[in-house]
Amino acid sequence: MSTSRRGFLRGVAGVGAGAAATGLAGCAPNIAPAPVANAEKDPDGNVRLKVSRYPDLKREGGAITLRVPGEQNLLVTHPEGTTYAVVSSTCTHSGCPLAFEEGEIVCPCHLSRFDLQGKVTNPPAKAPLSAYAASYDEKNDELFIEFLGGDPNFPAVIGGKLFFPFADFPQLKQPGGRVEGTPRGYGKLLFVFALADGKYAAVDSICTHLQCPVQYRETQDDLFCFCHDSRFLKTGEVQAGPALANGNLRKFTVTSDATGVTVNF
């Protein structure tokens, strides 16, 4: 179910593939990216893996790079016992494919390190990896990876709509107000802004350059990617950095009435 390191370089697809092939030429000795496997989503948009089918994942201390159609590649790790952790599989420094060594996530290119939740523990990477909810059913030997999970205290997407009642989100009644969070049913961080002209903007948080998460900067009043310094307006338009070649953040149609703000997916 998995491939060799050579197979990774031949078969890797999606974000960071070019950077991966370039960077690995000078990678650290004895550290290889996690071998690749493929998986499909179930009807609910999630992934279920029979762990015994993936020898590189079954063993404690093992990991695989998982390719799922329509999603960025994942690094699925097995630190110990029945514990598994899932994060995005490309380094936020230069897009190299990641390895899992001695309980740490490591970039073979420039030795950035991350913990199991994707937090940077050693530079040169500055931005965290994206983390995904995962649970292991020991009885059925099945790992469940959820793509559409969200913050329990944040509104959920229902019927293709995300509603923010003013009673619960009064900051959206005033120009300059904002909310941010990960809605269940979408699974990625979302920003919603009340603009100065009385309109609203809702944008995704994934930078179009190498899929790093952008962050809101209060002082500059913009969205900034700390991986490679791309900058976006609150309405999603790219203004500076390498993302100029890739385009704007994903934007959503927003409507409002006397009761609140609705984001349409």
Protein backbone atom coordinates (compact mmCIF):
# COMPACT_ATOMS: atom_id res chain seq x y z
CA MET A 1 0.00 0.00 0.00
CA SER A 2 3.01 2.29 0.22
CA THR A 3 5.89 3.21 -2.03
CA SER A 4 9.59 3.80 -1.74
CA ARG A 5 11.24 7.19 -1.46
CA ARG A 6 12.00 7.03 -5.17
CA GLY A 7 8.34 6.32 -5.79
CA PHE A 8 7.43 9.36 -3.74
CA LEU A 9 9.46 11.67 -5.93
CA ARG A 10 8.06 10.06 -9.06
CA GLY A 11 4.45 9.99 -7.93
CA VAL A 12 3.90 12.87 -5.53
CA ALA A 13 1.20 15.23 -6.72
CA GLY A 14 -0.33 18.48 -5.55
CA VAL A 15 1.05 21.36 -3.53
CA GLY A 16 4.81 21.50 -3.12
CA ALA A 17 5.69 18.74 -5.58
CA GLY A 18 8.21 20.87 -7.44
CA ALA A 19 9.75 22.17 -4.26
CA ALA A 20 9.92 18.63 -2.91
CA ALA A 21 11.88 17.32 -5.87
CA THR A 22 14.27 20.28 -5.79
CA GLY A 23 14.82 20.38 -2.05
CA LEU A 24 15.45 16.67 -1.58
CA ALA A 25 18.56 16.82 -3.72
CA GLY A 26 20.36 18.31 -0.74
CA CYS A 27 18.36 16.75 2.06
CA ALA A 28 19.67 15.60 5.40
CA PRO A 29 21.25 12.12 5.31
CA ASN A 30 19.23 9.16 6.57
CA ILE A 31 15.95 11.08 6.66
CA ALA A 32 13.48 10.19 3.95
CA PRO A 33 9.91 11.42 3.43
CA ALA A 34 7.21 9.10 4.68
CA PRO A 35 6.23 6.58 1.97
CA VAL A 36 3.15 7.30 -0.09
CA ALA A 37 -0.25 5.62 -0.02
CA ASN A 38 -3.58 6.48 -1.62
CA ALA A 39 -7.07 6.62 -0.15
CA GLU A 40 -10.57 7.65 -1.17
CA LYS A 41 -13.16 9.54 0.85
CA ASP A 42 -16.29 7.80 2.07
CA PRO A 43 -19.77 9.19 1.18
CA ASP A 44 -19.53 11.62 4.13
CA GLY A 45 -16.29 13.12 2.86
CA ASN A 46 -13.98 11.45 5.38
CA VAL A 47 -11.35 8.68 5.17
CA ARG A 48 -11.31 5.29 6.90
CA LEU A 49 -8.04 3.34 6.82
CA LYS A 50 -7.64 -0.33 7.68
CA VAL A 51 -4.30 0.13 9.41
CA SER A 52 -3.13 -3.46 8.89
CA ARG A 53 -3.10 -2.82 5.14
CA TYR A 54 -0.36 -0.19 5.55
CA PRO A 55 2.80 -1.78 7.00
CA ASP A 56 4.57 1.58 7.25
CA LEU A 57 1.73 2.89 9.41
CA LYS A 58 1.00 -0.26 11.41
CA ARG A 59 4.36 -0.30 13.18
CA GLU A 60 4.90 2.03 16.13
CA GLY A 61 7.01 4.97 15.05
CA GLY A 62 5.83 4.60 11.47
CA ALA A 63 4.07 6.99 9.12
CA ILE A 64 2.70 7.34 5.61
CA THR A 65 2.08 10.23 3.27
CA LEU A 66 -1.57 9.89 2.29
CA ARG A 67 -2.90 11.22 -1.00
CA VAL A 68 -6.64 11.89 -0.98
CA PRO A 69 -8.34 13.35 -4.08
CA GLY A 70 -9.36 16.96 -3.57
CA GLU A 71 -7.26 17.44 -0.42
CA GLN A 72 -3.70 18.43 0.34
CA ASN A 73 -1.45 15.47 1.10
CA LEU A 74 -1.49 14.24 4.69
CA LEU A 75 1.19 12.88 7.00
CA VAL A 76 -0.39 10.11 9.05
CA THR A 77 1.81 9.15 12.02
CA HIS A 78 1.73 6.29 14.54
CA PRO A 79 3.78 7.47 17.53
CA GLU A 80 2.87 4.58 19.84
CA GLY A 81 0.17 2.15 20.89
CA THR A 82 -3.24 3.20 19.63
CA THR A 83 -2.20 6.83 19.19
CA TYR A 84 -2.27 8.34 15.70
CA ALA A 85 -1.87 11.93 14.53
CA VAL A 86 -2.61 13.50 11.16
CA VAL A 87 -1.21 16.77 9.76
CA SER A 88 -0.51 18.27 6.34
CA SER A 89 2.50 16.57 4.77
CA THR A 90 4.46 19.45 3.24
CA CYS A 91 6.79 21.71 5.19
CA THR A 92 5.59 25.29 5.52
CA HIS A 93 9.11 26.56 4.85
CA SER A 94 9.68 25.49 1.25
CA GLY A 95 7.09 22.82 0.50
CA CYS A 96 9.26 19.74 1.00
CA PRO A 97 7.57 16.43 1.88
CA LEU A 98 7.90 15.58 5.56
CA ALA A 99 9.32 12.61 7.45
CA PHE A 100 8.52 11.13 10.85
CA GLU A 101 11.56 10.29 12.94
CA GLU A 102 11.73 9.31 16.63
CA GLY A 103 8.38 10.84 17.48
CA GLU A 104 8.99 14.10 15.64
CA ILE A 105 7.87 15.43 12.28
CA VAL A 106 10.99 16.48 10.38
CA CYS A 107 11.65 18.22 7.08
CA PRO A 108 14.51 16.39 5.30
CA CYS A 109 15.37 19.50 3.27
CA HIS A 110 16.23 22.05 5.96
CA LEU A 111 15.52 20.21 9.25
CA SER A 112 12.48 22.16 10.35
CA ARG A 113 10.67 20.19 13.06
CA PHE A 114 7.07 20.03 14.21
CA ASP A 115 5.20 18.35 17.05
CA LEU A 116 2.32 15.95 16.48
CA GLN A 117 -0.19 18.82 16.45
CA GLY A 118 1.78 20.58 13.70
CA LYS A 119 3.34 23.29 15.89
CA VAL A 120 6.82 24.42 14.83
CA THR A 121 9.47 23.25 17.30
CA ASN A 122 12.55 24.07 15.22
CA PRO A 123 13.04 26.62 12.37
CA PRO A 124 13.48 27.61 9.58
CA ALA A 125 9.73 26.93 9.23
CA LYS A 126 7.65 29.64 10.91
CA ALA A 127 4.06 28.57 10.28
CA PRO A 128 2.37 25.46 11.70
CA LEU A 129 1.09 22.51 9.76
CA SER A 130 -2.65 21.95 9.40
CA ALA A 131 -3.94 19.34 11.85
CA TYR A 132 -6.83 16.94 11.25
CA ALA A 133 -9.06 15.11 13.71
CA ALA A 134 -8.32 11.39 13.80
CA SER A 135 -9.58 8.52 15.94
CA TYR A 136 -8.61 4.84 16.02
CA ASP A 137 -11.07 1.98 16.45
CA GLU A 138 -8.89 -0.77 17.92
CA LYS A 139 -11.58 -3.45 17.60
CA ASN A 140 -11.90 -2.95 13.85
CA ASP A 141 -8.31 -1.79 13.31
CA GLU A 142 -9.68 1.31 11.58
CA LEU A 143 -8.34 4.85 11.60
CA PHE A 144 -10.97 7.52 10.95
CA ILE A 145 -9.71 10.85 9.52
CA GLU A 146 -12.23 13.67 9.57
CA PHE A 147 -11.92 16.42 6.99
CA LEU A 148 -15.06 18.36 7.82
CA GLY A 149 -14.74 18.62 11.59
CA GLY A 150 -14.82 21.99 13.32
CA ASP A 151 -14.77 23.99 16.52
CA PRO A 152 -17.58 22.80 18.82
CA ASN A 153 -18.37 26.38 19.90
CA PHE A 154 -18.41 27.76 16.35
CA PRO A 155 -21.46 27.67 14.03
CA ALA A 156 -21.69 24.69 11.66
CA VAL A 157 -22.43 24.62 7.94
CA ILE A 158 -26.03 23.46 7.50
CA GLY A 159 -27.58 23.09 4.07
CA GLY A 160 -24.66 24.87 2.45
CA LYS A 161 -25.03 27.93 4.72
CA LEU A 162 -23.20 29.21 7.78
CA PHE A 163 -25.23 31.61 9.94
CA PHE A 164 -23.86 34.08 12.50
CA PRO A 165 -26.69 35.58 14.57
CA PHE A 166 -25.96 39.09 15.77
CA ALA A 167 -27.17 38.03 19.21
CA ASP A 168 -24.14 35.70 19.48
CA PHE A 169 -21.69 37.64 17.30
CA PRO A 170 -22.36 41.34 18.01
CA GLN A 171 -18.92 42.29 16.65
CA LEU A 172 -20.28 41.73 13.14
CA LYS A 173 -22.77 44.56 13.61
CA GLN A 174 -19.94 47.10 13.59
CA PRO A 175 -17.57 47.95 10.70
CA GLY A 176 -14.18 46.47 11.46
CA GLY A 177 -15.60 43.55 13.38
CA ARG A 178 -14.55 40.00 12.58
CA VAL A 179 -14.99 36.38 13.58
CA GLU A 180 -12.72 33.47 12.78
CA GLY A 181 -13.02 29.76 13.42
CA THR A 182 -13.35 26.34 11.86
CA PRO A 183 -16.97 25.45 11.07
CA ARG A 184 -18.07 21.82 11.17
CA GLY A 185 -19.07 20.85 7.66
CA TYR A 186 -16.17 22.80 6.14
CA GLY A 187 -13.17 21.78 8.23
CA LYS A 188 -10.89 24.75 7.51
CA LEU A 189 -10.34 28.04 9.29
CA LEU A 190 -12.64 30.77 7.97
CA PHE A 191 -12.51 34.56 8.40
CA VAL A 192 -15.64 36.74 8.31
CA PHE A 193 -15.18 40.53 8.26
CA ALA A 194 -17.61 43.42 8.65
CA LEU A 195 -16.27 45.95 6.13
CA ALA A 196 -16.26 49.73 6.34
CA ASP A 197 -18.89 50.09 3.59
CA GLY A 198 -21.46 48.03 5.49
CA LYS A 199 -20.82 44.92 3.42
CA TYR A 200 -19.23 41.65 4.54
CA ALA A 201 -16.41 39.42 3.35
CA ALA A 202 -15.76 35.75 4.09
CA VAL A 203 -12.51 34.11 3.00
CA ASP A 204 -10.69 30.84 3.43
CA SER A 205 -7.42 30.78 5.38
CA ILE A 206 -5.27 28.71 3.00
CA CYS A 207 -2.60 30.66 1.15
CA THR A 208 -2.64 29.96 -2.57
CA HIS A 209 1.15 29.74 -2.79
CA LEU A 210 2.06 26.61 -0.79
CA GLN A 211 -1.10 26.04 1.25
CA CYS A 212 0.18 27.59 4.48
CA PRO A 213 -2.45 29.07 6.83
CA VAL A 214 -2.76 32.86 6.73
CA GLN A 215 -3.29 34.92 9.87
CA TYR A 216 -5.07 38.20 10.51
CA ARG A 217 -2.78 41.08 11.51
CA GLU A 218 -4.55 43.66 13.61
CA THR A 219 -2.07 46.48 13.04
CA GLN A 220 -1.89 46.08 9.26
CA ASP A 221 -5.57 45.06 8.99
CA ASP A 222 -4.72 42.34 6.48
CA LEU A 223 -4.27 38.60 6.09
CA PHE A 224 -0.64 37.51 6.08
CA CYS A 225 1.15 34.25 5.29
CA PHE A 226 4.16 33.95 7.57
CA CYS A 227 5.63 31.12 5.49
CA HIS A 228 6.73 33.28 2.56
CA ASP A 229 5.29 36.75 3.28
CA SER A 230 2.32 36.75 0.93
CA ARG A 231 -0.25 39.41 1.85
CA PHE A 232 -3.98 39.53 1.15
CA LEU A 233 -6.76 42.04 1.68
CA LYS A 234 -9.61 41.08 4.01
CA THR A 235 -11.67 40.54 0.87
CA GLY A 236 -9.18 37.88 -0.26
CA GLU A 237 -7.32 39.69 -3.05
CA VAL A 238 -3.59 38.97 -3.09
CA GLN A 239 -1.41 42.08 -2.74
CA ALA A 240 2.16 40.92 -2.36
CA GLY A 241 4.48 37.93 -2.14
CA PRO A 242 4.82 34.72 -4.15
CA ALA A 243 1.05 34.14 -4.04
CA LEU A 244 0.75 36.88 -6.70
CA ALA A 245 1.44 34.10 -9.18
CA ASN A 246 -1.25 31.85 -7.70
CA GLY A 247 -4.20 34.12 -7.11
CA ASN A 248 -6.63 35.21 -4.42
CA LEU A 249 -7.85 33.39 -1.34
CA ARG A 250 -11.08 31.44 -1.79
CA LYS A 251 -14.00 33.84 -1.27
CA PHE A 252 -17.62 33.14 -0.31
CA THR A 253 -20.83 35.00 -1.00
CA VAL A 254 -22.15 36.73 2.12
CA THR A 255 -25.61 38.12 2.82
CA SER A 256 -27.06 39.81 5.89
CA ASP A 257 -30.37 40.90 7.38
CA ALA A 258 -31.58 42.27 10.69
CA THR A 259 -30.86 38.97 12.48
CA GLY A 260 -27.34 38.17 11.34
CA VAL A 261 -24.83 37.27 8.64
CA THR A 262 -25.01 34.23 6.33
CA VAL A 263 -22.04 32.76 4.49
CA ASN A 264 -23.00 30.69 1.45
CA PHE A 265 -20.88 27.69 0.45
